[in-house]
Amino acid sequence: MKVLLIEDETVIGDMIAMYLADEHHAVQRVDNGTKGLEAIREFDPDIAIIDCFLPDINGIELCKQLREISYVPIIMISMNTDVSNRIDALLAGADDYMCKPFSMKELSARVAAQMRRVNLSIQFEQNKGKEKLEAYVSVDKGLRRIIVNGHEVDTTFSEFEIMYLFDKNPGRVFTREELITYLRGNGTLVSSRAIDVYMTKLRNKIEKDPKNPQFIKTVWGLGYKYSKG
């Protein structure tokens, strides 16, 4: 992991850089805000540790400027223990705030915590996309069963007949009258209102989010159509 350390105090800067390097992080240290902004672009760090008091710019102001160009996690470090200063840093875009002096082990743990949060967020977004890509519905006429994402769902006779018709004609818009005629041809007495009820029940059974359907979609003023995803 690449760590950008913006710290002008030689002793504590060297201490932090050495400790994190021993933790197998690639550390680049600069001693002012101007160099820090350049390093954000060139070094492209995974996380930044910023001292609140720098020789050329206040760390909180630097944090604001950094947030305009990067979403990199920021840990602010400072001798200032005032609650108001912590709040200002967090409002400026810092993700964490540590008061000097602090344990190097605690700093390492907070660095790890920030990176874990970022990685979990990335995994969450990837999994959302994966779930959407893997969503599928399979209709088996012979066995009269519907499989949704690998799991069989129970349907009534009419619900299955509608899904079979949809599956054979993906993308085609069916009016309520056409669906009524189709079901009556299979010996079912059905009304226009019943069609809407069937659609609601089918969405509840096959859609991940029935209110925002992926498969059974309403075509306003006409009827319904089926998309295979």
C-alpha atoms as a PDB file:
ATOM      1  CA  MET A   1       0.000   0.000   0.000  1.00  0.00           C
ATOM      2  CA  LYS A   2       1.225   3.500  -0.852  1.00  0.00           C
ATOM      3  CA  VAL A   3       1.173   6.046   1.967  1.00  0.00           C
ATOM      4  CA  LEU A   4       1.721   9.767   1.463  1.00  0.00           C
ATOM      5  CA  LEU A   5       3.002  11.460   4.628  1.00  0.00           C
ATOM      6  CA  ILE A   6       2.834  15.277   4.706  1.00  0.00           C
ATOM      7  CA  GLU A   7       4.779  16.213   7.837  1.00  0.00           C
ATOM      8  CA  ASP A   8       7.396  18.906   8.399  1.00  0.00           C
ATOM      9  CA  GLU A   9       8.627  17.776  11.837  1.00  0.00           C
ATOM     10  CA  THR A  10      11.734  15.718  11.132  1.00  0.00           C
ATOM     11  CA  VAL A  11      11.690  13.436  14.174  1.00  0.00           C
ATOM     12  CA  ILE A  12       8.054  12.396  14.077  1.00  0.00           C
ATOM     13  CA  GLY A  13       8.080  12.304  10.270  1.00  0.00           C
ATOM     14  CA  ASP A  14      11.031   9.908  10.240  1.00  0.00           C
ATOM     15  CA  MET A  15       9.457   7.808  12.975  1.00  0.00           C
ATOM     16  CA  ILE A  16       6.154   7.415  11.114  1.00  0.00           C
ATOM     17  CA  ALA A  17       7.851   6.742   7.783  1.00  0.00           C
ATOM     18  CA  MET A  18      10.159   4.095   9.242  1.00  0.00           C
ATOM     19  CA  TYR A  19       7.374   2.355  11.158  1.00  0.00           C
ATOM     20  CA  LEU A  20       5.033   2.166   8.180  1.00  0.00           C
ATOM     21  CA  ALA A  21       7.885   1.020   5.933  1.00  0.00           C
ATOM     22  CA  ASP A  22       8.549  -1.794   8.416  1.00  0.00           C
ATOM     23  CA  GLU A  23       4.851  -2.654   8.013  1.00  0.00           C
ATOM     24  CA  HIS A  24       5.605  -3.178   4.301  1.00  0.00           C
ATOM     25  CA  HIS A  25       4.003   0.051   3.072  1.00  0.00           C
ATOM     26  CA  ALA A  26       5.571   2.217   0.367  1.00  0.00           C
ATOM     27  CA  VAL A  27       5.927   5.615   2.056  1.00  0.00           C
ATOM     28  CA  GLN A  28       6.607   8.951   0.384  1.00  0.00           C
ATOM     29  CA  ARG A  29       7.193  11.835   2.763  1.00  0.00           C
ATOM     30  CA  VAL A  30       7.043  15.547   1.904  1.00  0.00           C
ATOM     31  CA  ASP A  31       7.420  18.509   4.255  1.00  0.00           C
ATOM     32  CA  ASN A  32       4.844  21.014   2.995  1.00  0.00           C
ATOM     33  CA  GLY A  33       1.408  21.298   1.431  1.00  0.00           C
ATOM     34  CA  THR A  34       2.559  22.354  -2.031  1.00  0.00           C
ATOM     35  CA  LYS A  35       4.688  19.241  -2.387  1.00  0.00           C
ATOM     36  CA  GLY A  36       1.809  17.230  -0.936  1.00  0.00           C
ATOM     37  CA  LEU A  37      -0.567  18.299  -3.699  1.00  0.00           C
ATOM     38  CA  GLU A  38       2.062  17.433  -6.312  1.00  0.00           C
ATOM     39  CA  ALA A  39       2.609  14.032  -4.700  1.00  0.00           C
ATOM     40  CA  ILE A  40      -1.123  13.276  -4.753  1.00  0.00           C
ATOM     41  CA  ARG A  41      -1.040  13.528  -8.549  1.00  0.00           C
ATOM     42  CA  GLU A  42       2.331  11.866  -9.141  1.00  0.00           C
ATOM     43  CA  PHE A  43       2.564   9.270  -6.342  1.00  0.00           C
ATOM     44  CA  ASP A  44      -1.175   8.403  -6.421  1.00  0.00           C
ATOM     45  CA  PRO A  45      -1.268   7.162  -2.806  1.00  0.00           C
ATOM     46  CA  ASP A  46      -3.778   4.772  -1.269  1.00  0.00           C
ATOM     47  CA  ILE A  47      -3.958   6.920   1.876  1.00  0.00           C
ATOM     48  CA  ALA A  48      -2.620  10.304   3.051  1.00  0.00           C
ATOM     49  CA  ILE A  49      -1.465  11.292   6.544  1.00  0.00           C
ATOM     50  CA  ILE A  50      -1.437  15.091   6.955  1.00  0.00           C
ATOM     51  CA  ASP A  51      -0.054  17.205   9.773  1.00  0.00           C
ATOM     52  CA  CYS A  52      -2.454  19.965  10.771  1.00  0.00           C
ATOM     53  CA  PHE A  53       0.275  22.647  10.946  1.00  0.00           C
ATOM     54  CA  LEU A  54       2.517  22.930   7.902  1.00  0.00           C
ATOM     55  CA  PRO A  55       4.947  25.725   7.022  1.00  0.00           C
ATOM     56  CA  ASP A  56       3.129  26.912   3.893  1.00  0.00           C
ATOM     57  CA  ILE A  57      -0.534  26.051   4.440  1.00  0.00           C
ATOM     58  CA  ASN A  58      -2.853  24.989   7.226  1.00  0.00           C
ATOM     59  CA  GLY A  59      -3.495  21.243   7.106  1.00  0.00           C
ATOM     60  CA  ILE A  60      -7.255  21.736   7.188  1.00  0.00           C
ATOM     61  CA  GLU A  61      -7.110  24.048   4.178  1.00  0.00           C
ATOM     62  CA  LEU A  62      -4.835  21.535   2.450  1.00  0.00           C
ATOM     63  CA  CYS A  63      -7.410  18.840   3.169  1.00  0.00           C
ATOM     64  CA  LYS A  64     -10.081  20.943   1.430  1.00  0.00           C
ATOM     65  CA  GLN A  65      -7.873  21.433  -1.617  1.00  0.00           C
ATOM     66  CA  LEU A  66      -6.982  17.765  -1.725  1.00  0.00           C
ATOM     67  CA  ARG A  67     -10.664  16.803  -1.628  1.00  0.00           C
ATOM     68  CA  GLU A  68     -11.202  18.769  -4.831  1.00  0.00           C
ATOM     69  CA  ILE A  69      -8.899  16.414  -6.738  1.00  0.00           C
ATOM     70  CA  SER A  70      -8.960  13.108  -4.863  1.00  0.00           C
ATOM     71  CA  TYR A  71     -11.089  10.744  -2.765  1.00  0.00           C
ATOM     72  CA  VAL A  72      -8.022   9.243  -1.068  1.00  0.00           C
ATOM     73  CA  PRO A  73      -8.601   8.479   2.649  1.00  0.00           C
ATOM     74  CA  ILE A  74      -7.058  11.153   4.898  1.00  0.00           C
ATOM     75  CA  ILE A  75      -5.832  10.844   8.470  1.00  0.00           C
ATOM     76  CA  MET A  76      -5.139  14.219  10.088  1.00  0.00           C
ATOM     77  CA  ILE A  77      -2.512  14.370  12.859  1.00  0.00           C
ATOM     78  CA  SER A  78      -2.082  17.329  15.200  1.00  0.00           C
ATOM     79  CA  MET A  79      -0.885  18.625  18.560  1.00  0.00           C
ATOM     80  CA  ASN A  80      -4.203  20.478  18.814  1.00  0.00           C
ATOM     81  CA  THR A  81      -6.597  18.518  21.038  1.00  0.00           C
ATOM     82  CA  ASP A  82      -9.515  20.959  20.768  1.00  0.00           C
ATOM     83  CA  VAL A  83     -12.764  19.344  19.731  1.00  0.00           C
ATOM     84  CA  SER A  84     -13.483  22.271  17.414  1.00  0.00           C
ATOM     85  CA  ASN A  85     -10.275  21.599  15.468  1.00  0.00           C
ATOM     86  CA  ARG A  86     -11.210  17.928  15.068  1.00  0.00           C
ATOM     87  CA  ILE A  87     -14.629  18.920  13.782  1.00  0.00           C
ATOM     88  CA  ASP A  88     -13.104  21.406  11.330  1.00  0.00           C
ATOM     89  CA  ALA A  89     -10.778  18.697  10.011  1.00  0.00           C
ATOM     90  CA  LEU A  90     -13.582  16.176   9.550  1.00  0.00           C
ATOM     91  CA  LEU A  91     -15.799  18.753   7.852  1.00  0.00           C
ATOM     92  CA  ALA A  92     -12.907  19.632   5.553  1.00  0.00           C
ATOM     93  CA  GLY A  93     -12.844  16.031   4.322  1.00  0.00           C
ATOM     94  CA  ALA A  94     -10.565  14.161   6.739  1.00  0.00           C
ATOM     95  CA  ASP A  95     -11.621  10.575   7.488  1.00  0.00           C
ATOM     96  CA  ASP A  96      -9.845  10.359  10.863  1.00  0.00           C
ATOM     97  CA  TYR A  97      -8.038  12.592  13.362  1.00  0.00           C
ATOM     98  CA  MET A  98      -5.241  11.656  15.762  1.00  0.00           C
ATOM     99  CA  CYS A  99      -3.750  13.817  18.507  1.00  0.00           C
ATOM    100  CA  LYS A 100       0.008  13.822  19.078  1.00  0.00           C
ATOM    101  CA  PRO A 101       1.647  12.028  20.737  1.00  0.00           C
ATOM    102  CA  PHE A 102       0.160   8.731  19.604  1.00  0.00           C
ATOM    103  CA  SER A 103       1.174   5.098  19.417  1.00  0.00           C
ATOM    104  CA  MET A 104       2.666   3.942  16.121  1.00  0.00           C
ATOM    105  CA  LYS A 105       0.663   0.754  16.498  1.00  0.00           C
ATOM    106  CA  GLU A 106      -2.542   2.765  16.767  1.00  0.00           C
ATOM    107  CA  LEU A 107      -1.624   4.765  13.679  1.00  0.00           C
ATOM    108  CA  SER A 108      -0.970   1.545  11.772  1.00  0.00           C
ATOM    109  CA  ALA A 109      -4.305   0.148  12.961  1.00  0.00           C
ATOM    110  CA  ARG A 110      -6.160   3.272  11.832  1.00  0.00           C
ATOM    111  CA  VAL A 111      -4.451   3.145   8.443  1.00  0.00           C
ATOM    112  CA  ALA A 112      -5.567  -0.472   8.098  1.00  0.00           C
ATOM    113  CA  ALA A 113      -9.103   0.431   9.188  1.00  0.00           C
ATOM    114  CA  GLN A 114      -9.385   3.141   6.526  1.00  0.00           C
ATOM    115  CA  MET A 115      -8.142   0.823   3.805  1.00  0.00           C
ATOM    116  CA  ARG A 116     -10.501  -1.919   4.973  1.00  0.00           C
ATOM    117  CA  ARG A 117     -13.407   0.516   4.685  1.00  0.00           C
ATOM    118  CA  VAL A 118     -12.358   1.453   1.140  1.00  0.00           C
ATOM    119  CA  ASN A 119     -11.922  -2.176   0.093  1.00  0.00           C
ATOM    120  CA  LEU A 120     -15.310  -3.174   1.532  1.00  0.00           C
ATOM    121  CA  SER A 121     -16.940  -0.316  -0.355  1.00  0.00           C
ATOM    122  CA  ILE A 122     -15.298  -1.449  -3.603  1.00  0.00           C
ATOM    123  CA  GLN A 123     -16.349  -5.067  -2.999  1.00  0.00           C
ATOM    124  CA  PHE A 124     -19.894  -3.975  -2.259  1.00  0.00           C
ATOM    125  CA  GLU A 125     -20.151  -2.094  -5.557  1.00  0.00           C
ATOM    126  CA  GLN A 126     -18.607  -5.003  -7.458  1.00  0.00           C
ATOM    127  CA  ASN A 127     -21.009  -7.484  -5.856  1.00  0.00           C
ATOM    128  CA  LYS A 128     -23.988  -5.280  -6.717  1.00  0.00           C
ATOM    129  CA  GLY A 129     -22.939  -5.314 -10.352  1.00  0.00           C
ATOM    130  CA  LYS A 130     -22.264  -9.045 -10.250  1.00  0.00           C
ATOM    131  CA  GLU A 131     -25.672  -9.806  -8.765  1.00  0.00           C
ATOM    132  CA  LYS A 132     -27.331  -7.805 -11.502  1.00  0.00           C
ATOM    133  CA  LEU A 133     -25.392  -9.588 -14.242  1.00  0.00           C
ATOM    134  CA  GLU A 134     -26.099 -13.037 -12.795  1.00  0.00           C
ATOM    135  CA  ALA A 135     -29.835 -12.477 -12.299  1.00  0.00           C
ATOM    136  CA  TYR A 136     -31.829 -14.803 -14.540  1.00  0.00           C
ATOM    137  CA  VAL A 137     -35.187 -16.528 -14.892  1.00  0.00           C
ATOM    138  CA  SER A 138     -35.666 -19.895 -16.543  1.00  0.00           C
ATOM    139  CA  VAL A 139     -39.073 -21.310 -17.575  1.00  0.00           C
ATOM    140  CA  ASP A 140     -39.359 -25.104 -18.053  1.00  0.00           C
ATOM    141  CA  LYS A 141     -42.608 -25.960 -19.865  1.00  0.00           C
ATOM    142  CA  GLY A 142     -42.159 -29.734 -19.578  1.00  0.00           C
ATOM    143  CA  LEU A 143     -41.693 -29.749 -15.806  1.00  0.00           C
ATOM    144  CA  ARG A 144     -43.905 -26.667 -15.367  1.00  0.00           C
ATOM    145  CA  ARG A 145     -41.427 -24.922 -13.144  1.00  0.00           C
ATOM    146  CA  ILE A 146     -39.754 -21.520 -12.958  1.00  0.00           C
ATOM    147  CA  ILE A 147     -36.175 -21.147 -11.737  1.00  0.00           C
ATOM    148  CA  VAL A 148     -35.036 -17.749 -10.425  1.00  0.00           C
ATOM    149  CA  ASN A 149     -31.297 -17.402  -9.795  1.00  0.00           C
ATOM    150  CA  GLY A 150     -30.989 -21.146  -9.246  1.00  0.00           C
ATOM    151  CA  HIS A 151     -34.029 -21.508  -6.994  1.00  0.00           C
ATOM    152  CA  GLU A 152     -37.440 -22.877  -7.961  1.00  0.00           C
ATOM    153  CA  VAL A 153     -40.421 -20.638  -7.192  1.00  0.00           C
ATOM    154  CA  ASP A 154     -44.013 -21.763  -6.752  1.00  0.00           C
ATOM    155  CA  THR A 155     -46.584 -20.375  -9.153  1.00  0.00           C
ATOM    156  CA  THR A 156     -50.258 -20.906  -9.855  1.00  0.00           C
ATOM    157  CA  PHE A 157     -51.464 -22.354 -13.158  1.00  0.00           C
ATOM    158  CA  SER A 158     -52.241 -18.916 -14.599  1.00  0.00           C
ATOM    159  CA  GLU A 159     -48.998 -17.355 -13.349  1.00  0.00           C
ATOM    160  CA  PHE A 160     -46.973 -20.094 -15.015  1.00  0.00           C
ATOM    161  CA  GLU A 161     -48.889 -19.768 -18.297  1.00  0.00           C
ATOM    162  CA  ILE A 162     -48.209 -16.031 -18.379  1.00  0.00           C
ATOM    163  CA  MET A 163     -44.501 -16.550 -17.678  1.00  0.00           C
ATOM    164  CA  TYR A 164     -44.325 -19.229 -20.398  1.00  0.00           C
ATOM    165  CA  LEU A 165     -45.909 -16.830 -22.891  1.00  0.00           C
ATOM    166  CA  PHE A 166     -43.539 -14.053 -21.864  1.00  0.00           C
ATOM    167  CA  ASP A 167     -40.492 -16.311 -22.049  1.00  0.00           C
ATOM    168  CA  LYS A 168     -41.354 -17.327 -25.603  1.00  0.00           C
ATOM    169  CA  ASN A 169     -41.879 -13.714 -26.671  1.00  0.00           C
ATOM    170  CA  PRO A 170     -39.289 -11.537 -24.916  1.00  0.00           C
ATOM    171  CA  GLY A 171     -39.668  -7.831 -25.615  1.00  0.00           C
ATOM    172  CA  ARG A 172     -43.157  -8.130 -27.100  1.00  0.00           C
ATOM    173  CA  VAL A 173     -45.826  -5.918 -25.528  1.00  0.00           C
ATOM    174  CA  PHE A 174     -48.970  -7.831 -24.515  1.00  0.00           C
ATOM    175  CA  THR A 175     -52.166  -5.916 -23.833  1.00  0.00           C
ATOM    176  CA  ARG A 176     -54.415  -7.001 -20.985  1.00  0.00           C
ATOM    177  CA  GLU A 177     -56.972  -8.143 -23.552  1.00  0.00           C
ATOM    178  CA  GLU A 178     -54.401 -10.391 -25.261  1.00  0.00           C
ATOM    179  CA  LEU A 179     -53.418 -11.929 -21.928  1.00  0.00           C
ATOM    180  CA  ILE A 180     -57.069 -12.471 -21.025  1.00  0.00           C
ATOM    181  CA  THR A 181     -57.706 -14.199 -24.368  1.00  0.00           C
ATOM    182  CA  TYR A 182     -54.613 -16.368 -23.912  1.00  0.00           C
ATOM    183  CA  LEU A 183     -55.607 -17.526 -20.434  1.00  0.00           C
ATOM    184  CA  ARG A 184     -59.222 -18.146 -21.433  1.00  0.00           C
ATOM    185  CA  GLY A 185     -57.922 -20.346 -24.223  1.00  0.00           C
ATOM    186  CA  ASN A 186     -56.354 -22.478 -21.518  1.00  0.00           C
ATOM    187  CA  GLY A 187     -59.665 -22.802 -19.737  1.00  0.00           C
ATOM    188  CA  THR A 188     -59.219 -20.002 -17.191  1.00  0.00           C
ATOM    189  CA  LEU A 189     -61.853 -17.424 -16.349  1.00  0.00           C
ATOM    190  CA  VAL A 190     -60.026 -14.134 -15.894  1.00  0.00           C
ATOM    191  CA  SER A 191     -60.714 -10.392 -15.800  1.00  0.00           C
ATOM    192  CA  SER A 192     -58.646  -7.316 -16.627  1.00  0.00           C
ATOM    193  CA  ARG A 193     -58.159  -6.664 -12.908  1.00  0.00           C
ATOM    194  CA  ALA A 194     -56.925 -10.224 -12.432  1.00  0.00           C
ATOM    195  CA  ILE A 195     -54.153  -9.627 -14.971  1.00  0.00           C
ATOM    196  CA  ASP A 196     -52.763  -6.782 -12.850  1.00  0.00           C
ATOM    197  CA  VAL A 197     -52.919  -9.011  -9.769  1.00  0.00           C
ATOM    198  CA  TYR A 198     -50.983 -11.757 -11.599  1.00  0.00           C
ATOM    199  CA  MET A 199     -48.299  -9.248 -12.606  1.00  0.00           C
ATOM    200  CA  THR A 200     -47.909  -8.053  -9.016  1.00  0.00           C
ATOM    201  CA  LYS A 201     -47.621 -11.609  -7.711  1.00  0.00           C
ATOM    202  CA  LEU A 202     -45.140 -12.634 -10.405  1.00  0.00           C
ATOM    203  CA  ARG A 203     -42.957  -9.599  -9.715  1.00  0.00           C
ATOM    204  CA  ASN A 204     -42.945 -10.452  -6.021  1.00  0.00           C
ATOM    205  CA  LYS A 205     -41.753 -13.951  -6.902  1.00  0.00           C
ATOM    206  CA  ILE A 206     -39.114 -13.295  -9.559  1.00  0.00           C
ATOM    207  CA  GLU A 207     -37.902  -9.714  -9.134  1.00  0.00           C
ATOM    208  CA  LYS A 208     -35.170  -8.688  -6.704  1.00  0.00           C
ATOM    209  CA  ASP A 209     -36.878  -5.296  -6.372  1.00  0.00           C
ATOM    210  CA  PRO A 210     -40.554  -5.627  -7.394  1.00  0.00           C
ATOM    211  CA  LYS A 211     -41.021  -1.859  -7.353  1.00  0.00           C
ATOM    212  CA  ASN A 212     -38.211  -1.477  -9.906  1.00  0.00           C
ATOM    213  CA  PRO A 213     -38.666  -4.618 -12.002  1.00  0.00           C
ATOM    214  CA  GLN A 214     -35.892  -5.960 -14.173  1.00  0.00           C
ATOM    215  CA  PHE A 215     -37.985  -8.564 -15.989  1.00  0.00           C
ATOM    216  CA  ILE A 216     -41.734  -7.795 -16.072  1.00  0.00           C
ATOM    217  CA  LYS A 217     -42.168  -4.192 -17.132  1.00  0.00           C
ATOM    218  CA  THR A 218     -45.270  -2.065 -17.503  1.00  0.00           C
ATOM    219  CA  VAL A 219     -45.754  -0.305 -20.835  1.00  0.00           C
ATOM    220  CA  TRP A 220     -48.021   2.543 -19.821  1.00  0.00           C
ATOM    221  CA  GLY A 221     -51.244   2.753 -21.812  1.00  0.00           C
ATOM    222  CA  LEU A 222     -50.621  -0.596 -23.496  1.00  0.00           C
ATOM    223  CA  GLY A 223     -49.859  -3.516 -21.177  1.00  0.00           C
ATOM    224  CA  TYR A 224     -46.814  -5.530 -20.162  1.00  0.00           C
ATOM    225  CA  LYS A 225     -43.620  -6.848 -21.678  1.00  0.00           C
ATOM    226  CA  TYR A 226     -40.938  -9.261 -20.527  1.00  0.00           C
ATOM    227  CA  SER A 227     -37.185  -8.682 -20.649  1.00  0.00           C
ATOM    228  CA  LYS A 228     -34.723 -11.514 -20.107  1.00  0.00           C
ATOM    229  CA  GLY A 229     -32.314  -9.155 -18.311  1.00  0.00           C
END
